[in-house]
Amino acid sequence: METSNHNSSIMDMFEKGKVLKICAPMVRYSKLAFRSLVRKYNCDICFTPMIVADDFMRSVKARDSEFTTNASDRPLIVQFAAHDAQTLADSACVVAPFSDGVDLNCGCPQRWATSAGYGACLINKPELVKDMVTHVRNQVDNPNYTASIKIRIHKDLRQTVDLCQKAESAGVSWITVHGRTAEERHQTVHYDAIKLIKDSVSIPVIANGDIKYLRDVESIHQLTGVDGVMAARGLLANPAMFSGYEDAPLECIWDWVDMAIEQGTSFTCFHQHLIYMLERKLPLKMTLQWTVVALFLYVEMGILVILCLPFISARRWQSIFQLRIWTCVSRFWNKVFLTMIIILIVLFLDAVREVRKYSAKDLGSDAKLQPNMFDHLHMKLFRAQRNLYISGFAVFLWLVMKRMVTLINQLASASGSTAALQLQADNANQAAKKYTEDNELLKKTLMEGKGDKATAEGMELLRKEVEKMKEELKTSEDAVKKSQSEADVMKKQTDGLAREYDRLLREHQELQNLQDGETKKDD
């Protein structure tokens, strides 16, 4: 910490008609490096992150780590979380030589803070707030040193007005009002409540909540009549917000990096701001072709996952592949496959070229003239490597998917052939089993006796079978002879009927001729 002779009062900044622009106290983020950055872009007053007064007074290590500043870090307000008037006054006395005022946090809604008696629970203890402001006023030996409070509103605004009026009577310098209740997080800010508080007190009032652009400053001033606005997330997103930039300018990004390194700020304290601003000015977003390739890669992965599902058999997939729609597509499949291979390989080679380009880049003497070029080249290299991985995996999975479909079809065909062969084998096994049973029966019959007796019995059995077959053959011959004789009789009858038919036909012809002759005589 460095002392600074700063005799003028911060209250002189509250000129009539002027709206002060203030950086809010943000845990871990509104430290020295970030405060130095936003001051370059028209921020009038900066707050430190909230510091727990008890820990601050108890530990030298806590004081050194929680509160750092320098001569140019002014005007500066140190915010404390406290529930004891004397502890707050002691903390104010410690930081008074290095700052322009202290602020009592009466708005933090986090459970740990309210359960410990800090933050938003203090808005329900107006007498304690009044006492803490009085102690700071009485014990800090600097008439220009300010004591302010930052509050949230009650559901019953009369309680909030009463709190503000009691704080005013205790000598509070100004009041910052976050226009939400302790239970609200991202709901709409109640600017009407802020206006009511402004109209109820004669001291300056600062509005806080949803300040994201410079245009919000003037609109909220016109709406509520406040003397200043305090931004938190708006400055996190764009530290140059108070200068009217819609997005963080490129110089703001590099200033932030330089200041963070110069102040020795840890990576966790500034990486969110840096990444956000880099994405705005040096976007990591993919161009159209790489977006398409990435989507194509995810589609390939999805198809491969579906093809690997264990409960869908290869023959079922083959039946799906044989649908009419795939038959129509199959005519163009080879052309589509080769076209995609060519496109992906071209993109892959382009990515390789970019990686080699930025990997082998030698800054040389330009590094001194443009110290930020190193980070810029690393950003380019990261993007080229990302594109290389995307295109490489897309080519690989495209080939894998083609091969996998071919293997599924081959597996389905082999499965069908195996099923047919299995059926034939089963039929052959059944026939062999039947012949084996007949053979065993014959052997059993022949082997029931022993020696010549067994042979005689076997021969006798065969003789009986032969006689039986002879009898069946004789019966069949008799049936054939009988059928043949019946056929001869039927043939003779047929011949007789034919002769009789011829005779009747001749007689009919003769009678017809006689009839025709008599008819002519009559004429």
Protein backbone atom coordinates (compact mmCIF):
# COMPACT_ATOMS: atom_id res chain seq x y z
CA MET A 1 0.00 0.00 0.00
CA GLU A 2 1.17 3.47 -0.78
CA THR A 3 0.02 6.67 0.93
CA SER A 4 -1.10 9.62 -1.09
CA ASN A 5 -1.81 13.18 -0.14
CA HIS A 6 -5.34 13.67 -1.37
CA ASN A 7 -6.83 16.63 0.49
CA SER A 8 -9.76 17.43 -1.75
CA SER A 9 -13.07 15.81 -0.85
CA ILE A 10 -14.62 13.21 -3.05
CA MET A 11 -17.93 14.95 -2.35
CA ASP A 12 -16.79 17.79 -4.61
CA MET A 13 -17.34 15.43 -7.55
CA PHE A 14 -21.08 15.42 -6.97
CA GLU A 15 -21.78 18.50 -9.03
CA LYS A 16 -25.32 19.41 -9.90
CA GLY A 17 -26.37 17.86 -13.23
CA LYS A 18 -23.32 15.60 -13.46
CA VAL A 19 -23.76 11.83 -13.23
CA LEU A 20 -20.81 9.98 -11.69
CA LYS A 21 -19.78 6.66 -13.20
CA ILE A 22 -18.67 4.16 -10.58
CA CYS A 23 -17.10 0.69 -10.67
CA ALA A 24 -18.91 -1.60 -8.25
CA PRO A 25 -17.22 -3.76 -5.58
CA MET A 26 -16.87 -7.20 -7.17
CA VAL A 27 -15.40 -10.10 -5.24
CA ARG A 28 -12.04 -11.22 -6.75
CA TYR A 29 -12.40 -8.95 -9.77
CA SER A 30 -12.36 -5.24 -8.88
CA LYS A 31 -8.78 -5.33 -7.67
CA LEU A 32 -5.99 -2.93 -8.53
CA ALA A 33 -5.31 -4.10 -12.12
CA PHE A 34 -8.95 -3.96 -13.13
CA ARG A 35 -9.49 -0.62 -11.35
CA SER A 36 -6.49 0.81 -13.22
CA LEU A 37 -8.01 -0.39 -16.48
CA VAL A 38 -11.50 1.07 -16.04
CA ARG A 39 -10.06 4.40 -14.86
CA LYS A 40 -8.52 4.78 -18.33
CA TYR A 41 -12.04 4.62 -19.80
CA ASN A 42 -13.83 7.39 -17.90
CA CYS A 43 -14.69 5.62 -14.67
CA ASP A 44 -14.93 8.31 -11.96
CA ILE A 45 -14.83 6.27 -8.73
CA CYS A 46 -13.72 2.70 -8.02
CA PHE A 47 -14.61 0.39 -5.16
CA THR A 48 -12.44 -2.39 -3.81
CA PRO A 49 -13.90 -5.90 -3.45
CA MET A 50 -15.81 -6.44 -0.22
CA ILE A 51 -13.41 -7.05 2.71
CA VAL A 52 -14.53 -8.72 5.95
CA ALA A 53 -13.55 -6.22 8.65
CA ASP A 54 -12.97 -8.82 11.36
CA ASP A 55 -10.43 -10.76 9.25
CA PHE A 56 -8.85 -7.54 8.01
CA MET A 57 -8.10 -6.38 11.55
CA ARG A 58 -7.08 -9.80 12.82
CA SER A 59 -4.47 -10.73 10.19
CA VAL A 60 -1.65 -8.75 8.60
CA LYS A 61 -1.59 -11.31 5.78
CA ALA A 62 -5.27 -10.63 5.09
CA ARG A 63 -4.60 -6.89 4.94
CA ASP A 64 -1.75 -7.31 2.48
CA SER A 65 -3.65 -9.69 0.19
CA GLU A 66 -7.09 -8.07 0.31
CA PHE A 67 -6.14 -4.44 -0.09
CA THR A 68 -3.54 -3.21 -2.62
CA THR A 69 -3.36 0.22 -4.19
CA ASN A 70 -0.98 2.84 -5.59
CA ALA A 71 -0.75 6.59 -5.98
CA SER A 72 -2.80 6.69 -9.18
CA ASP A 73 -5.58 4.52 -7.78
CA ARG A 74 -7.80 7.43 -6.71
CA PRO A 75 -10.58 8.22 -5.93
CA LEU A 76 -10.89 4.90 -4.11
CA ILE A 77 -13.61 3.61 -1.80
CA VAL A 78 -12.86 0.58 0.40
CA GLN A 79 -15.93 -1.55 1.07
CA PHE A 80 -16.17 -3.52 4.30
CA ALA A 81 -18.53 -6.20 5.58
CA ALA A 82 -19.02 -5.64 9.30
CA HIS A 83 -21.54 -6.14 12.09
CA ASP A 84 -19.69 -4.28 14.80
CA ALA A 85 -19.33 -0.48 14.87
CA GLN A 86 -15.90 -0.38 16.49
CA THR A 87 -14.39 -2.99 14.14
CA LEU A 88 -15.63 -1.01 11.14
CA ALA A 89 -14.20 2.21 12.59
CA ASP A 90 -10.83 0.56 13.26
CA SER A 91 -10.69 -0.81 9.70
CA ALA A 92 -11.54 2.63 8.32
CA CYS A 93 -8.71 4.18 10.31
CA VAL A 94 -6.25 1.64 8.86
CA VAL A 95 -7.17 2.31 5.21
CA ALA A 96 -7.88 6.04 5.54
CA PRO A 97 -4.36 7.13 4.51
CA PHE A 98 -4.61 5.09 1.30
CA SER A 99 -8.21 5.77 0.23
CA ASP A 100 -10.92 8.41 0.03
CA GLY A 101 -13.68 6.67 1.95
CA VAL A 102 -15.19 3.47 3.27
CA ASP A 103 -18.46 1.84 2.34
CA LEU A 104 -20.55 -0.46 4.53
CA ASN A 105 -21.99 -3.44 2.64
CA CYS A 106 -25.67 -3.71 3.53
CA GLY A 107 -26.74 -5.49 0.35
CA CYS A 108 -24.84 -8.79 -0.08
CA PRO A 109 -27.58 -11.47 -0.30
CA GLN A 110 -25.31 -14.51 0.01
CA ARG A 111 -26.30 -16.94 2.74
CA TRP A 112 -22.89 -17.08 4.41
CA ALA A 113 -22.86 -13.27 4.75
CA THR A 114 -26.37 -12.89 6.15
CA SER A 115 -25.90 -15.83 8.55
CA ALA A 116 -22.77 -14.13 9.93
CA GLY A 117 -24.59 -10.83 10.41
CA TYR A 118 -23.12 -9.12 7.33
CA GLY A 119 -24.63 -7.81 4.14
CA ALA A 120 -28.35 -7.63 3.42
CA CYS A 121 -29.42 -8.53 6.96
CA LEU A 122 -28.26 -5.04 8.06
CA ILE A 123 -31.08 -3.31 6.19
CA ASN A 124 -33.35 -4.65 8.94
CA LYS A 125 -31.10 -3.12 11.63
CA PRO A 126 -31.20 0.64 10.94
CA GLU A 127 -29.99 1.59 14.42
CA LEU A 128 -26.87 -0.59 14.06
CA VAL A 129 -26.16 0.92 10.64
CA LYS A 130 -26.58 4.41 12.09
CA ASP A 131 -24.19 3.55 14.94
CA MET A 132 -21.52 2.18 12.57
CA VAL A 133 -21.65 5.29 10.36
CA THR A 134 -21.35 7.50 13.46
CA HIS A 135 -18.29 5.61 14.72
CA VAL A 136 -16.50 5.98 11.39
CA ARG A 137 -17.31 9.68 11.27
CA ASN A 138 -16.06 10.27 14.78
CA GLN A 139 -12.87 8.18 14.67
CA VAL A 140 -11.37 8.88 11.24
CA ASP A 141 -9.22 11.99 11.56
CA ASN A 142 -10.00 13.40 8.12
CA PRO A 143 -13.02 15.66 7.57
CA ASN A 144 -13.00 14.93 3.83
CA TYR A 145 -13.07 11.15 4.36
CA THR A 146 -16.43 9.69 3.28
CA ALA A 147 -18.57 7.03 4.91
CA SER A 148 -21.22 5.54 2.64
CA ILE A 149 -23.53 2.52 2.61
CA LYS A 150 -24.69 0.19 -0.16
CA ILE A 151 -28.15 -1.29 0.38
CA ARG A 152 -30.90 -3.33 -1.16
CA ILE A 153 -34.55 -2.40 -0.87
CA HIS A 154 -37.34 -3.85 1.31
CA LYS A 155 -40.61 -5.18 0.00
CA ASP A 156 -42.14 -2.42 2.12
CA LEU A 157 -40.36 0.67 0.81
CA ARG A 158 -41.25 2.63 3.93
CA GLN A 159 -38.65 0.58 5.78
CA THR A 160 -36.04 1.43 3.17
CA VAL A 161 -36.84 5.15 3.35
CA ASP A 162 -36.63 5.01 7.16
CA LEU A 163 -33.22 3.30 6.96
CA CYS A 164 -31.88 5.91 4.53
CA GLN A 165 -33.16 8.83 6.60
CA LYS A 166 -31.58 7.44 9.77
CA ALA A 167 -28.29 6.92 7.96
CA GLU A 168 -28.49 10.49 6.67
CA SER A 169 -29.00 11.79 10.19
CA ALA A 170 -25.87 9.86 11.28
CA GLY A 171 -23.82 11.72 8.66
CA VAL A 172 -23.57 9.17 5.84
CA SER A 173 -21.94 10.72 2.78
CA TRP A 174 -24.08 9.02 0.14
CA ILE A 175 -26.18 5.92 -0.37
CA THR A 176 -25.86 3.36 -3.16
CA VAL A 177 -29.16 1.57 -3.84
CA HIS A 178 -29.32 -1.76 -5.62
CA GLY A 179 -32.91 -1.73 -6.83
CA ARG A 180 -33.76 -5.31 -5.88
CA THR A 181 -34.78 -7.03 -2.67
CA ALA A 182 -32.49 -9.47 -0.89
CA GLU A 183 -34.49 -12.38 -2.36
CA GLU A 184 -34.29 -11.14 -5.96
CA ARG A 185 -31.38 -12.02 -8.22
CA HIS A 186 -32.02 -11.36 -11.90
CA GLN A 187 -35.48 -9.83 -11.74
CA THR A 188 -36.23 -6.37 -13.12
CA VAL A 189 -34.65 -3.52 -11.20
CA HIS A 190 -37.15 -1.36 -9.30
CA TYR A 191 -36.09 2.08 -10.50
CA ASP A 192 -39.24 3.58 -9.02
CA ALA A 193 -37.97 2.57 -5.58
CA ILE A 194 -34.63 4.27 -6.26
CA LYS A 195 -36.48 7.44 -7.31
CA LEU A 196 -38.53 7.34 -4.11
CA ILE A 197 -35.37 7.09 -2.00
CA LYS A 198 -33.74 9.93 -3.95
CA ASP A 199 -36.75 12.13 -3.30
CA SER A 200 -36.73 11.22 0.41
CA VAL A 201 -33.15 12.29 1.27
CA SER A 202 -30.97 15.30 0.56
CA ILE A 203 -27.65 13.45 0.22
CA PRO A 204 -26.37 11.96 -3.08
CA VAL A 205 -27.90 8.65 -4.18
CA ILE A 206 -26.20 6.17 -6.53
CA ALA A 207 -28.26 3.73 -8.64
CA ASN A 208 -27.06 0.15 -9.10
CA GLY A 209 -28.48 -2.70 -11.17
CA ASP A 210 -28.44 -3.68 -14.86
CA ILE A 211 -26.09 -0.91 -16.07
CA LYS A 212 -24.69 -2.44 -19.25
CA TYR A 213 -24.18 0.43 -21.69
CA LEU A 214 -23.30 4.11 -21.54
CA ARG A 215 -26.79 4.96 -22.75
CA ASP A 216 -28.17 3.33 -19.59
CA VAL A 217 -26.39 5.96 -17.47
CA GLU A 218 -28.30 8.90 -18.90
CA SER A 219 -31.63 7.08 -19.15
CA ILE A 220 -31.50 6.01 -15.47
CA HIS A 221 -30.48 9.54 -14.46
CA GLN A 222 -33.48 10.94 -16.31
CA LEU A 223 -35.75 8.32 -14.79
CA THR A 224 -34.66 8.56 -11.15
CA GLY A 225 -32.72 11.80 -10.77
CA VAL A 226 -29.79 10.01 -9.09
CA ASP A 227 -26.34 11.54 -8.79
CA GLY A 228 -24.45 8.57 -10.17
CA VAL A 229 -24.65 5.00 -11.44
CA MET A 230 -22.68 1.94 -10.39
CA ALA A 231 -21.93 -0.87 -12.88
CA ALA A 232 -20.75 -4.39 -12.10
CA ARG A 233 -21.41 -7.05 -14.74
CA GLY A 234 -21.51 -4.37 -17.43
CA LEU A 235 -17.88 -3.51 -16.70
CA LEU A 236 -16.91 -7.17 -16.46
CA ALA A 237 -18.20 -7.65 -19.98
CA ASN A 238 -16.70 -4.40 -21.30
CA PRO A 239 -14.25 -2.39 -19.15
CA ALA A 240 -14.52 0.46 -21.68
CA MET A 241 -18.29 0.71 -21.26
CA PHE A 242 -18.21 4.20 -19.70
CA SER A 243 -16.40 5.50 -22.81
CA GLY A 244 -19.36 4.58 -25.00
CA TYR A 245 -17.89 1.47 -26.66
CA GLU A 246 -20.47 -1.21 -27.32
CA ASP A 247 -17.68 -3.79 -27.25
CA ALA A 248 -14.27 -3.67 -25.64
CA PRO A 249 -11.74 -2.06 -28.05
CA LEU A 250 -8.60 -4.00 -28.90
CA GLU A 251 -6.35 -1.62 -26.98
CA CYS A 252 -8.49 -2.25 -23.89
CA ILE A 253 -7.71 -5.96 -24.09
CA TRP A 254 -3.97 -5.47 -24.28
CA ASP A 255 -4.03 -2.79 -21.56
CA TRP A 256 -5.80 -5.28 -19.34
CA VAL A 257 -3.14 -7.93 -19.97
CA ASP A 258 -0.29 -5.49 -19.40
CA MET A 259 -1.79 -4.13 -16.19
CA ALA A 260 -2.54 -7.56 -14.81
CA ILE A 261 1.06 -8.65 -15.44
CA GLU A 262 2.48 -5.41 -14.10
CA GLN A 263 0.42 -5.62 -10.90
CA GLY A 264 1.17 -9.32 -10.46
CA THR A 265 -2.53 -10.19 -10.57
CA SER A 266 -3.20 -13.93 -10.46
CA PHE A 267 -4.73 -15.60 -13.49
CA THR A 268 -7.97 -16.38 -11.66
CA CYS A 269 -8.58 -12.67 -11.07
CA PHE A 270 -8.62 -11.56 -14.69
CA HIS A 271 -9.10 -14.56 -17.01
CA GLN A 272 -12.88 -14.14 -17.27
CA HIS A 273 -12.55 -10.54 -18.45
CA LEU A 274 -9.72 -11.39 -20.82
CA ILE A 275 -11.46 -14.39 -22.41
CA TYR A 276 -14.72 -12.48 -22.81
CA MET A 277 -13.01 -9.52 -24.48
CA LEU A 278 -10.85 -11.75 -26.67
CA GLU A 279 -13.97 -13.50 -27.90
CA ARG A 280 -15.39 -10.10 -28.79
CA LYS A 281 -12.36 -8.67 -30.63
CA LEU A 282 -10.39 -11.79 -31.60
CA PRO A 283 -13.24 -14.27 -31.80
CA LEU A 284 -12.64 -17.95 -31.40
CA LYS A 285 -15.82 -18.54 -33.33
CA MET A 286 -15.46 -20.77 -36.36
CA THR A 287 -16.05 -19.55 -39.86
CA LEU A 288 -18.85 -21.06 -41.92
CA GLN A 289 -16.83 -23.88 -43.51
CA TRP A 290 -15.37 -25.01 -40.19
CA THR A 291 -18.77 -24.83 -38.53
CA VAL A 292 -20.12 -27.12 -41.26
CA VAL A 293 -17.17 -29.51 -40.85
CA ALA A 294 -17.69 -29.60 -37.07
CA LEU A 295 -21.40 -30.37 -37.54
CA PHE A 296 -20.48 -33.05 -40.07
CA LEU A 297 -18.08 -34.56 -37.52
CA TYR A 298 -20.77 -34.70 -34.85
CA VAL A 299 -23.20 -36.30 -37.33
CA GLU A 300 -20.58 -38.95 -38.15
CA MET A 301 -20.10 -39.68 -34.46
CA GLY A 302 -23.84 -40.00 -33.95
CA ILE A 303 -24.23 -42.41 -36.89
CA LEU A 304 -21.35 -44.58 -35.66
CA VAL A 305 -22.86 -44.74 -32.18
CA ILE A 306 -26.19 -45.87 -33.68
CA LEU A 307 -24.48 -48.48 -35.88
CA CYS A 308 -22.75 -49.88 -32.79
CA LEU A 309 -25.94 -50.40 -30.81
CA PRO A 310 -25.81 -54.05 -29.64
CA PHE A 311 -29.52 -54.79 -29.85
CA ILE A 312 -29.76 -54.17 -33.63
CA SER A 313 -28.46 -57.19 -35.57
CA ALA A 314 -26.47 -57.05 -38.80
CA ARG A 315 -29.32 -58.67 -40.75
CA ARG A 316 -31.70 -55.99 -39.46
CA TRP A 317 -29.29 -53.29 -40.62
CA GLN A 318 -29.06 -55.01 -44.02
CA SER A 319 -32.84 -54.90 -44.35
CA ILE A 320 -32.71 -51.19 -43.51
CA PHE A 321 -29.99 -50.60 -46.09
CA GLN A 322 -32.16 -52.33 -48.71
CA LEU A 323 -35.03 -49.85 -48.34
CA ARG A 324 -36.11 -48.08 -51.50
CA ILE A 325 -34.75 -44.71 -50.41
CA TRP A 326 -31.21 -46.12 -50.14
CA THR A 327 -31.58 -47.76 -53.54
CA CYS A 328 -32.20 -44.31 -55.03
CA VAL A 329 -29.26 -42.79 -53.14
CA SER A 330 -26.87 -45.64 -53.98
CA ARG A 331 -26.54 -44.40 -57.56
CA PHE A 332 -24.82 -41.24 -56.31
CA TRP A 333 -23.13 -42.70 -53.22
CA ASN A 334 -19.67 -43.20 -54.70
CA LYS A 335 -19.61 -39.67 -56.10
CA VAL A 336 -20.75 -38.19 -52.76
CA PHE A 337 -18.20 -40.24 -50.84
CA LEU A 338 -15.30 -39.21 -53.05
CA THR A 339 -16.42 -35.57 -53.07
CA MET A 340 -16.52 -35.42 -49.25
CA ILE A 341 -13.11 -37.11 -49.04
CA ILE A 342 -11.62 -34.52 -51.38
CA ILE A 343 -13.19 -31.58 -49.52
CA LEU A 344 -12.11 -32.83 -46.11
CA ILE A 345 -8.56 -33.55 -47.28
CA VAL A 346 -8.29 -30.06 -48.80
CA LEU A 347 -9.45 -28.51 -45.50
CA PHE A 348 -7.10 -30.77 -43.56
CA LEU A 349 -4.13 -29.68 -45.68
CA ASP A 350 -5.15 -26.05 -45.27
CA ALA A 351 -5.22 -26.52 -41.49
CA VAL A 352 -1.76 -28.15 -41.62
CA ARG A 353 -0.49 -25.18 -43.57
CA GLU A 354 -1.91 -22.76 -40.98
CA VAL A 355 -0.40 -24.72 -38.09
CA ARG A 356 3.03 -24.73 -39.75
CA LYS A 357 2.68 -21.06 -40.57
CA TYR A 358 2.00 -19.93 -37.01
CA SER A 359 4.23 -22.52 -35.35
CA ALA A 360 7.28 -21.38 -37.28
CA LYS A 361 6.52 -17.67 -36.96
CA ASP A 362 9.56 -15.77 -35.70
CA LEU A 363 8.74 -12.47 -34.04
CA GLY A 364 12.29 -11.18 -34.22
CA SER A 365 12.66 -7.43 -33.84
CA ASP A 366 8.91 -6.88 -34.15
CA ALA A 367 8.46 -8.29 -30.65
CA LYS A 368 9.77 -5.07 -29.14
CA LEU A 369 7.70 -2.85 -31.39
CA GLN A 370 4.54 -4.92 -30.97
CA PRO A 371 4.72 -6.71 -27.62
CA ASN A 372 1.16 -8.02 -27.94
CA MET A 373 1.84 -9.86 -31.18
CA PHE A 374 2.91 -12.97 -29.27
CA ASP A 375 -0.56 -13.44 -27.77
CA HIS A 376 -2.20 -12.75 -31.09
CA LEU A 377 -0.11 -15.42 -32.83
CA HIS A 378 -0.89 -17.92 -30.12
CA MET A 379 -4.59 -17.27 -30.69
CA LYS A 380 -4.12 -17.92 -34.41
CA LEU A 381 -2.14 -21.09 -33.70
CA PHE A 382 -4.85 -22.39 -31.36
CA ARG A 383 -7.51 -21.82 -34.01
CA ALA A 384 -5.42 -23.58 -36.68
CA GLN A 385 -4.81 -26.58 -34.39
CA ARG A 386 -8.52 -26.78 -33.62
CA ASN A 387 -9.34 -26.83 -37.34
CA LEU A 388 -6.67 -29.49 -37.91
CA TYR A 389 -8.21 -31.82 -35.32
CA ILE A 390 -11.74 -31.28 -36.63
CA SER A 391 -10.87 -31.98 -40.27
CA GLY A 392 -8.58 -34.91 -39.42
CA PHE A 393 -11.18 -36.68 -37.31
CA ALA A 394 -13.87 -35.94 -39.92
CA VAL A 395 -11.81 -37.69 -42.65
CA PHE A 396 -11.01 -40.61 -40.35
CA LEU A 397 -14.60 -41.17 -39.23
CA TRP A 398 -15.90 -40.82 -42.79
CA LEU A 399 -13.65 -43.71 -43.86
CA VAL A 400 -14.55 -45.70 -40.74
CA MET A 401 -18.27 -45.21 -41.38
CA LYS A 402 -17.92 -46.40 -45.01
CA ARG A 403 -15.95 -49.46 -43.91
CA MET A 404 -18.35 -50.20 -41.10
CA VAL A 405 -21.39 -50.21 -43.41
CA THR A 406 -19.54 -52.59 -45.77
CA LEU A 407 -18.63 -54.93 -42.91
CA ILE A 408 -22.22 -54.94 -41.61
CA ASN A 409 -23.49 -56.00 -45.06
CA GLN A 410 -20.84 -58.72 -45.30
CA LEU A 411 -21.66 -59.94 -41.82
CA ALA A 412 -25.37 -60.05 -42.65
CA SER A 413 -24.69 -62.05 -45.86
CA ALA A 414 -22.42 -64.46 -44.01
CA SER A 415 -25.05 -64.83 -41.31
CA GLY A 416 -27.69 -65.74 -43.95
CA SER A 417 -25.41 -68.31 -45.60
CA THR A 418 -24.57 -69.80 -42.24
CA ALA A 419 -28.26 -70.19 -41.41
CA ALA A 420 -28.93 -72.05 -44.71
CA LEU A 421 -25.96 -74.35 -44.20
CA GLN A 422 -27.09 -75.01 -40.66
CA LEU A 423 -30.54 -76.05 -41.91
CA GLN A 424 -29.01 -78.47 -44.45
CA ALA A 425 -26.74 -79.89 -41.79
CA ASP A 426 -29.69 -80.45 -39.46
CA ASN A 427 -31.61 -82.31 -42.19
CA ALA A 428 -28.58 -84.48 -42.97
CA ASN A 429 -28.13 -85.25 -39.28
CA GLN A 430 -31.75 -86.33 -38.98
CA ALA A 431 -31.46 -88.67 -42.02
CA ALA A 432 -28.22 -90.15 -40.71
CA LYS A 433 -29.81 -90.64 -37.32
CA LYS A 434 -32.75 -92.53 -38.91
CA TYR A 435 -30.45 -94.84 -40.91
CA THR A 436 -28.37 -95.46 -37.82
CA GLU A 437 -31.46 -96.44 -35.83
CA ASP A 438 -32.55 -98.90 -38.59
CA ASN A 439 -29.08 -100.39 -38.71
CA GLU A 440 -28.97 -100.76 -34.96
CA LEU A 441 -32.36 -102.46 -34.98
CA LEU A 442 -31.17 -104.97 -37.58
CA LYS A 443 -27.98 -105.64 -35.65
CA LYS A 444 -29.93 -106.12 -32.49
CA THR A 445 -32.20 -108.62 -34.16
CA LEU A 446 -29.28 -110.57 -35.62
CA MET A 447 -27.28 -110.53 -32.41
CA GLU A 448 -30.01 -111.71 -30.05
CA GLY A 449 -28.74 -115.30 -30.61
CA LYS A 450 -25.19 -116.66 -30.84
CA GLY A 451 -23.22 -118.54 -33.57
CA ASP A 452 -25.08 -120.63 -36.21
CA LYS A 453 -28.34 -120.19 -34.38
CA ALA A 454 -28.08 -116.42 -34.75
CA THR A 455 -27.21 -116.78 -38.43
CA ALA A 456 -30.12 -119.20 -39.02
CA GLU A 457 -32.53 -116.92 -37.28
CA GLY A 458 -31.24 -114.00 -39.31
CA MET A 459 -31.60 -115.97 -42.55
CA GLU A 460 -35.08 -117.10 -41.55
CA LEU A 461 -36.01 -113.45 -40.92
CA LEU A 462 -34.67 -112.47 -44.31
CA ARG A 463 -36.46 -115.43 -45.98
CA LYS A 464 -39.76 -114.36 -44.47
CA GLU A 465 -39.19 -110.84 -45.68
CA VAL A 466 -38.46 -112.15 -49.19
CA GLU A 467 -41.57 -114.36 -49.19
CA LYS A 468 -43.62 -111.43 -48.00
CA MET A 469 -42.25 -109.29 -50.82
CA LYS A 470 -42.95 -112.16 -53.32
CA GLU A 471 -46.54 -112.38 -52.14
CA GLU A 472 -46.91 -108.64 -52.53
CA LEU A 473 -45.37 -108.89 -56.01
CA LYS A 474 -47.74 -111.78 -56.95
CA THR A 475 -50.70 -109.82 -55.69
CA SER A 476 -49.59 -106.87 -57.76
CA GLU A 477 -49.19 -109.12 -60.87
CA ASP A 478 -52.70 -110.55 -60.38
CA ALA A 479 -54.08 -107.07 -60.07
CA VAL A 480 -52.28 -106.06 -63.25
CA LYS A 481 -53.58 -109.14 -65.11
CA LYS A 482 -57.10 -108.46 -63.90
CA SER A 483 -56.85 -104.90 -64.98
CA GLN A 484 -55.52 -106.01 -68.35
CA SER A 485 -58.40 -108.47 -68.91
CA GLU A 486 -60.90 -105.82 -67.92
CA ALA A 487 -59.21 -103.50 -70.36
CA ASP A 488 -59.55 -106.17 -73.14
CA VAL A 489 -63.24 -106.60 -72.38
CA MET A 490 -63.77 -102.85 -72.44
CA LYS A 491 -61.91 -102.71 -75.74
CA LYS A 492 -64.13 -105.40 -77.28
CA GLN A 493 -67.21 -103.59 -76.06
CA THR A 494 -65.87 -100.39 -77.52
CA ASP A 495 -65.25 -102.06 -80.87
CA GLY A 496 -68.81 -103.48 -80.85
CA LEU A 497 -70.26 -100.10 -80.03
CA ALA A 498 -68.26 -98.58 -82.86
CA ARG A 499 -69.58 -101.15 -85.38
CA GLU A 500 -73.12 -100.67 -84.14
CA TYR A 501 -72.71 -96.92 -84.45
CA ASP A 502 -71.49 -97.30 -88.05
CA ARG A 503 -74.46 -99.52 -88.94
CA LEU A 504 -76.94 -97.08 -87.48
CA LEU A 505 -75.27 -94.26 -89.32
CA ARG A 506 -75.63 -96.12 -92.69
CA GLU A 507 -79.29 -96.89 -92.04
CA HIS A 508 -79.92 -93.29 -91.20
CA GLN A 509 -78.29 -92.21 -94.43
CA GLU A 510 -80.41 -94.61 -96.46
CA LEU A 511 -83.60 -93.39 -94.83
CA GLN A 512 -82.58 -89.84 -95.55
CA ASN A 513 -82.02 -90.66 -99.21
CA LEU A 514 -85.46 -92.33 -99.51
CA GLN A 515 -87.14 -89.32 -98.01
CA ASP A 516 -85.40 -86.98 -100.42
CA GLY A 517 -86.55 -89.14 -103.42
CA GLU A 518 -90.21 -89.05 -102.42
CA THR A 519 -90.08 -85.37 -102.03
CA LYS A 520 -88.83 -84.89 -105.62
CA LYS A 521 -91.65 -87.12 -107.04
CA ASP A 522 -94.32 -85.06 -105.39
CA ASP A 523 -92.87 -81.96 -107.00
